[in-house]
Structures are given as C-alpha cells and as structure tokens.
C-alpha cells in the first residue's frame, strides 16, 4: 500500500491549493428577451418560457 513518508502540513496543503479557483461565469444578454443568462445554459424569461440561443424551447403552461 502506498502511503506518505511524512505528513503534509496544513500550510503546504493550502499553498498547493491556492491556484484552484472558480472562474467568474460569463454572462450574456439575450437579444430577443433582454434576459441576462450564463453562456451555454437555457434560461427562463419573465413569462416562464424557456429559451436557449435565442430560440424558444418550452412554452409556459400558465393559463392567462
């Protein structure tokens, strides 16, 4: 079984992990609805319709 020869200290472990950071998500504005959304993600508008890349995917079922 593989095991470390000596214990890795908390400081050494934290220094190694400083570069693992979450990137800021890119936010886009839809040209049709004006909603802000994350790139490559489907999103809902104010009426409950689901859009992706400016195209209507799922129309809302709300009775008006």
Protein backbone atom coordinates (compact mmCIF):
# COMPACT_ATOMS: atom_id res chain seq x y z
CA UNK A 1 0.00 0.00 0.00
CA UNK A 2 1.27 3.45 -0.85
CA UNK A 3 1.47 5.92 2.00
CA UNK A 4 3.27 9.22 2.52
CA UNK A 5 6.66 9.10 4.19
CA UNK A 6 5.79 12.16 6.27
CA UNK A 7 2.62 14.10 6.96
CA UNK A 8 1.82 17.03 4.66
CA UNK A 9 1.34 20.14 6.78
CA UNK A 10 -1.77 22.31 6.55
CA UNK A 11 0.29 25.24 5.23
CA UNK A 12 1.84 23.16 2.43
CA UNK A 13 -1.57 21.74 1.51
CA UNK A 14 -3.18 25.20 1.39
CA UNK A 15 -0.33 26.65 -0.67
CA UNK A 16 -0.77 23.88 -3.22
CA UNK A 17 -4.49 24.54 -3.49
CA UNK A 18 -4.32 28.33 -3.93
CA UNK A 19 -4.46 28.05 -7.71
CA UNK A 20 -7.69 26.02 -7.74
CA UNK A 21 -10.21 28.84 -8.00
CA UNK A 22 -13.62 29.06 -9.63
CA UNK A 23 -13.69 31.32 -12.67
CA UNK A 24 -16.19 34.16 -12.95
CA UNK A 25 -19.08 32.96 -15.15
CA UNK A 26 -19.59 34.77 -18.44
CA UNK A 27 -22.97 36.48 -18.56
CA UNK A 28 -24.74 37.32 -21.80
CA UNK A 29 -27.86 39.33 -22.62
CA UNK A 30 -30.44 37.80 -24.96
CA UNK A 31 -31.23 39.92 -28.00
CA UNK A 32 -34.89 38.78 -28.10
CA UNK A 33 -35.95 38.84 -24.45
CA UNK A 34 -33.31 41.06 -22.84
CA UNK A 35 -32.76 38.50 -20.07
CA UNK A 36 -29.27 38.01 -18.65
CA UNK A 37 -28.07 34.41 -18.61
CA UNK A 38 -24.95 32.27 -18.44
CA UNK A 39 -23.43 31.20 -21.78
CA UNK A 40 -24.40 27.71 -22.99
CA UNK A 41 -27.28 27.47 -20.48
CA UNK A 42 -31.01 27.54 -21.06
CA UNK A 43 -32.91 30.23 -19.16
CA UNK A 44 -36.46 31.36 -18.35
CA UNK A 45 -37.93 34.74 -19.19
CA UNK A 46 -40.46 36.70 -17.09
CA UNK A 47 -43.42 34.77 -18.54
CA UNK A 48 -41.93 31.35 -17.75
CA UNK A 49 -40.86 30.42 -21.30
CA UNK A 50 -37.55 28.58 -21.65
CA UNK A 51 -35.07 29.91 -24.22
CA UNK A 52 -31.71 28.69 -25.49
CA UNK A 53 -29.57 30.59 -28.00
CA UNK A 54 -32.44 32.98 -28.73
CA UNK A 55 -34.89 30.21 -29.64
CA UNK A 56 -37.99 29.21 -27.70
CA UNK A 57 -37.59 25.70 -26.33
CA UNK A 58 -40.50 25.25 -23.92
CA UNK A 59 -43.58 27.46 -23.88
CA UNK A 60 -45.06 28.08 -20.44
CA UNK A 61 -48.30 26.34 -19.46
CA UNK A 62 -49.74 29.24 -17.45
CA UNK A 63 -53.38 29.91 -18.33
CA UNK A 64 -53.86 33.60 -18.98
